[in-house]
Amino acid sequence: MCLAVPGKITSIDESTPELKMAKVNFNGVTKDICVQWLPDVKVGEYVLVHVGFALNKIDEKDAEETLQVLREMGDID
């Protein structure tokens, strides 16, 4: 089973046009994530991430609900 985790974009690096990257905050942990497939993504938006790639954007409400379920399951602190 695959799991995509929501995170909030804190910065975007477009210095390499063929590989657009972003810093994404996952409950206090920041990771470098490829956002190349989401050309209109902006700082402050939430994305669903799987193995280092942003798959799609989601709204803040859905992101928070998903994070709450993961907390209840004990998958995140």
N, C-alpha and C. Protein backbone atom coordinates (compact mmCIF):
# COMPACT_ATOMS: atom_id res chain seq x y z
N MET A 1 0.84 -1.17 0.00
CA MET A 1 0.00 0.00 0.00
C MET A 1 0.89 1.24 0.00
N CYS A 2 0.48 2.24 -0.75
CA CYS A 2 1.23 3.49 -0.82
C CYS A 2 0.56 4.52 0.08
N LEU A 3 1.39 5.41 0.62
CA LEU A 3 0.88 6.46 1.48
C LEU A 3 1.47 7.79 1.03
N ALA A 4 0.61 8.75 0.74
CA ALA A 4 1.04 10.11 0.43
C ALA A 4 0.74 10.95 1.66
N VAL A 5 1.71 11.76 2.05
CA VAL A 5 1.62 12.55 3.28
C VAL A 5 1.52 14.02 2.92
N PRO A 6 0.60 14.77 3.57
CA PRO A 6 0.49 16.20 3.28
C PRO A 6 1.60 16.99 3.94
N GLY A 7 2.07 18.00 3.24
CA GLY A 7 3.07 18.92 3.77
C GLY A 7 2.84 20.31 3.20
N LYS A 8 3.38 21.31 3.89
CA LYS A 8 3.19 22.71 3.49
C LYS A 8 4.47 23.24 2.84
N ILE A 9 4.34 23.84 1.68
CA ILE A 9 5.48 24.39 0.96
C ILE A 9 5.96 25.66 1.65
N THR A 10 7.25 25.70 1.99
CA THR A 10 7.82 26.87 2.65
C THR A 10 8.70 27.69 1.71
N SER A 11 9.24 27.08 0.66
CA SER A 11 10.00 27.81 -0.35
C SER A 11 10.07 26.97 -1.61
N ILE A 12 10.32 27.66 -2.73
CA ILE A 12 10.42 26.98 -4.03
C ILE A 12 11.71 27.41 -4.70
N ASP A 13 12.44 26.44 -5.25
CA ASP A 13 13.69 26.69 -5.97
C ASP A 13 13.48 26.35 -7.44
N GLU A 14 13.49 27.39 -8.28
CA GLU A 14 13.31 27.20 -9.72
C GLU A 14 14.60 27.48 -10.48
N SER A 15 15.76 27.40 -9.78
CA SER A 15 17.03 27.70 -10.42
C SER A 15 17.40 26.68 -11.50
N THR A 16 16.85 25.47 -11.40
CA THR A 16 17.03 24.45 -12.44
C THR A 16 15.66 24.18 -13.05
N PRO A 17 15.34 24.82 -14.20
CA PRO A 17 13.99 24.73 -14.76
C PRO A 17 13.47 23.32 -14.99
N GLU A 18 14.36 22.39 -15.31
CA GLU A 18 13.89 21.02 -15.58
C GLU A 18 13.68 20.20 -14.32
N LEU A 19 13.98 20.78 -13.13
CA LEU A 19 13.78 20.07 -11.86
C LEU A 19 13.39 21.07 -10.77
N LYS A 20 12.15 21.47 -10.78
CA LYS A 20 11.63 22.43 -9.80
C LYS A 20 11.49 21.72 -8.44
N MET A 21 12.16 22.29 -7.43
CA MET A 21 12.17 21.69 -6.10
C MET A 21 11.56 22.66 -5.09
N ALA A 22 11.11 22.11 -3.97
CA ALA A 22 10.53 22.94 -2.90
C ALA A 22 10.94 22.39 -1.55
N LYS A 23 11.03 23.27 -0.58
CA LYS A 23 11.17 22.87 0.82
C LYS A 23 9.74 22.68 1.32
N VAL A 24 9.47 21.51 1.87
CA VAL A 24 8.13 21.18 2.35
C VAL A 24 8.22 20.77 3.81
N ASN A 25 7.35 21.37 4.63
CA ASN A 25 7.32 21.12 6.06
C ASN A 25 6.30 20.03 6.36
N PHE A 26 6.78 18.97 6.99
CA PHE A 26 5.94 17.86 7.41
C PHE A 26 5.93 17.83 8.94
N ASN A 27 4.97 18.51 9.54
CA ASN A 27 4.83 18.48 11.00
C ASN A 27 6.14 18.83 11.72
N GLY A 28 6.83 19.86 11.21
CA GLY A 28 8.07 20.31 11.83
C GLY A 28 9.35 19.79 11.21
N VAL A 29 9.25 18.84 10.30
CA VAL A 29 10.42 18.30 9.60
C VAL A 29 10.37 18.81 8.16
N THR A 30 11.46 19.46 7.72
CA THR A 30 11.50 20.01 6.36
C THR A 30 12.32 19.10 5.45
N LYS A 31 11.75 18.84 4.28
CA LYS A 31 12.40 17.98 3.28
C LYS A 31 12.40 18.69 1.93
N ASP A 32 13.38 18.34 1.08
CA ASP A 32 13.40 18.80 -0.31
C ASP A 32 12.53 17.86 -1.13
N ILE A 33 11.55 18.45 -1.83
CA ILE A 33 10.57 17.67 -2.58
C ILE A 33 10.50 18.17 -4.02
N CYS A 34 10.42 17.26 -4.96
CA CYS A 34 10.25 17.63 -6.36
C CYS A 34 8.79 18.06 -6.60
N VAL A 35 8.62 19.26 -7.14
CA VAL A 35 7.28 19.77 -7.45
C VAL A 35 7.14 20.03 -8.96
N GLN A 36 7.98 19.40 -9.73
CA GLN A 36 8.01 19.60 -11.18
C GLN A 36 6.65 19.32 -11.82
N TRP A 37 5.92 18.35 -11.30
CA TRP A 37 4.63 17.96 -11.90
C TRP A 37 3.51 18.93 -11.56
N LEU A 38 3.78 19.89 -10.67
CA LEU A 38 2.77 20.87 -10.24
C LEU A 38 3.27 22.27 -10.57
N PRO A 39 3.18 22.68 -11.84
CA PRO A 39 3.78 23.94 -12.26
C PRO A 39 3.19 25.19 -11.61
N ASP A 40 1.96 25.13 -11.12
CA ASP A 40 1.31 26.32 -10.55
C ASP A 40 1.35 26.36 -9.02
N VAL A 41 2.11 25.47 -8.39
CA VAL A 41 2.16 25.41 -6.93
C VAL A 41 2.87 26.65 -6.38
N LYS A 42 2.41 27.10 -5.19
CA LYS A 42 2.94 28.32 -4.58
C LYS A 42 3.33 28.07 -3.12
N VAL A 43 4.21 28.94 -2.61
CA VAL A 43 4.59 28.90 -1.20
C VAL A 43 3.32 29.08 -0.36
N GLY A 44 3.21 28.28 0.70
CA GLY A 44 2.05 28.33 1.58
C GLY A 44 0.98 27.31 1.26
N GLU A 45 1.05 26.70 0.08
CA GLU A 45 0.07 25.68 -0.28
C GLU A 45 0.49 24.32 0.26
N TYR A 46 -0.48 23.43 0.36
CA TYR A 46 -0.25 22.06 0.81
C TYR A 46 -0.22 21.13 -0.38
N VAL A 47 0.67 20.14 -0.30
CA VAL A 47 0.77 19.13 -1.34
C VAL A 47 0.79 17.75 -0.70
N LEU A 48 0.36 16.76 -1.46
CA LEU A 48 0.48 15.36 -1.04
C LEU A 48 1.76 14.83 -1.64
N VAL A 49 2.61 14.22 -0.81
CA VAL A 49 3.94 13.80 -1.23
C VAL A 49 4.09 12.29 -1.03
N HIS A 50 4.67 11.66 -2.04
CA HIS A 50 5.00 10.24 -1.96
C HIS A 50 6.42 10.07 -2.50
N VAL A 51 7.28 9.45 -1.76
CA VAL A 51 8.69 9.18 -2.08
C VAL A 51 9.40 10.37 -2.73
N GLY A 52 9.21 11.56 -2.16
CA GLY A 52 9.95 12.73 -2.61
C GLY A 52 9.34 13.51 -3.76
N PHE A 53 8.15 13.13 -4.20
CA PHE A 53 7.48 13.81 -5.30
C PHE A 53 6.11 14.31 -4.85
N ALA A 54 5.83 15.58 -5.14
CA ALA A 54 4.50 16.13 -4.87
C ALA A 54 3.57 15.63 -5.97
N LEU A 55 2.51 14.96 -5.55
CA LEU A 55 1.58 14.36 -6.51
C LEU A 55 0.45 15.29 -6.90
N ASN A 56 -0.07 16.03 -5.91
CA ASN A 56 -1.13 17.01 -6.19
C ASN A 56 -1.27 17.98 -5.02
N LYS A 57 -1.97 19.07 -5.28
CA LYS A 57 -2.23 20.06 -4.24
C LYS A 57 -3.50 19.67 -3.49
N ILE A 58 -3.55 20.02 -2.21
CA ILE A 58 -4.77 19.85 -1.43
C ILE A 58 -4.98 21.11 -0.60
N ASP A 59 -6.21 21.32 -0.17
CA ASP A 59 -6.46 22.51 0.64
C ASP A 59 -6.04 22.26 2.09
N GLU A 60 -5.92 23.35 2.84
CA GLU A 60 -5.42 23.26 4.22
C GLU A 60 -6.32 22.39 5.09
N LYS A 61 -7.63 22.49 4.91
CA LYS A 61 -8.58 21.71 5.72
C LYS A 61 -8.34 20.21 5.52
N ASP A 62 -8.23 19.78 4.27
CA ASP A 62 -7.99 18.36 4.00
C ASP A 62 -6.63 17.91 4.53
N ALA A 63 -5.63 18.78 4.42
CA ALA A 63 -4.30 18.44 4.94
C ALA A 63 -4.36 18.23 6.45
N GLU A 64 -5.01 19.15 7.15
CA GLU A 64 -5.10 19.05 8.62
C GLU A 64 -5.89 17.81 9.04
N GLU A 65 -6.97 17.50 8.33
CA GLU A 65 -7.75 16.30 8.65
C GLU A 65 -6.91 15.03 8.46
N THR A 66 -6.15 14.99 7.39
CA THR A 66 -5.29 13.83 7.13
C THR A 66 -4.21 13.70 8.20
N LEU A 67 -3.59 14.82 8.57
CA LEU A 67 -2.57 14.79 9.62
C LEU A 67 -3.16 14.35 10.95
N GLN A 68 -4.39 14.76 11.25
CA GLN A 68 -5.04 14.36 12.50
C GLN A 68 -5.28 12.84 12.52
N VAL A 69 -5.72 12.29 11.40
CA VAL A 69 -5.93 10.84 11.32
C VAL A 69 -4.61 10.10 11.51
N LEU A 70 -3.54 10.60 10.89
CA LEU A 70 -2.23 9.97 11.05
C LEU A 70 -1.76 10.03 12.50
N ARG A 71 -2.04 11.16 13.18
CA ARG A 71 -1.69 11.28 14.61
C ARG A 71 -2.47 10.25 15.43
N GLU A 72 -3.76 10.12 15.16
CA GLU A 72 -4.60 9.17 15.89
C GLU A 72 -4.14 7.74 15.68
N MET A 73 -3.62 7.45 14.50
CA MET A 73 -3.11 6.11 14.20
C MET A 73 -1.75 5.87 14.82
N GLY A 74 -1.12 6.95 15.32
CA GLY A 74 0.20 6.83 15.91
C GLY A 74 1.32 6.87 14.91
N ASP A 75 1.01 7.26 13.66
CA ASP A 75 2.04 7.30 12.63
C ASP A 75 2.90 8.55 12.68
N ILE A 76 2.40 9.63 13.31
CA ILE A 76 3.20 10.84 13.51
C ILE A 76 2.92 11.37 14.91
N ASP A 77 3.88 12.12 15.44
CA ASP A 77 3.71 12.71 16.77
C ASP A 77 3.10 14.09 16.64
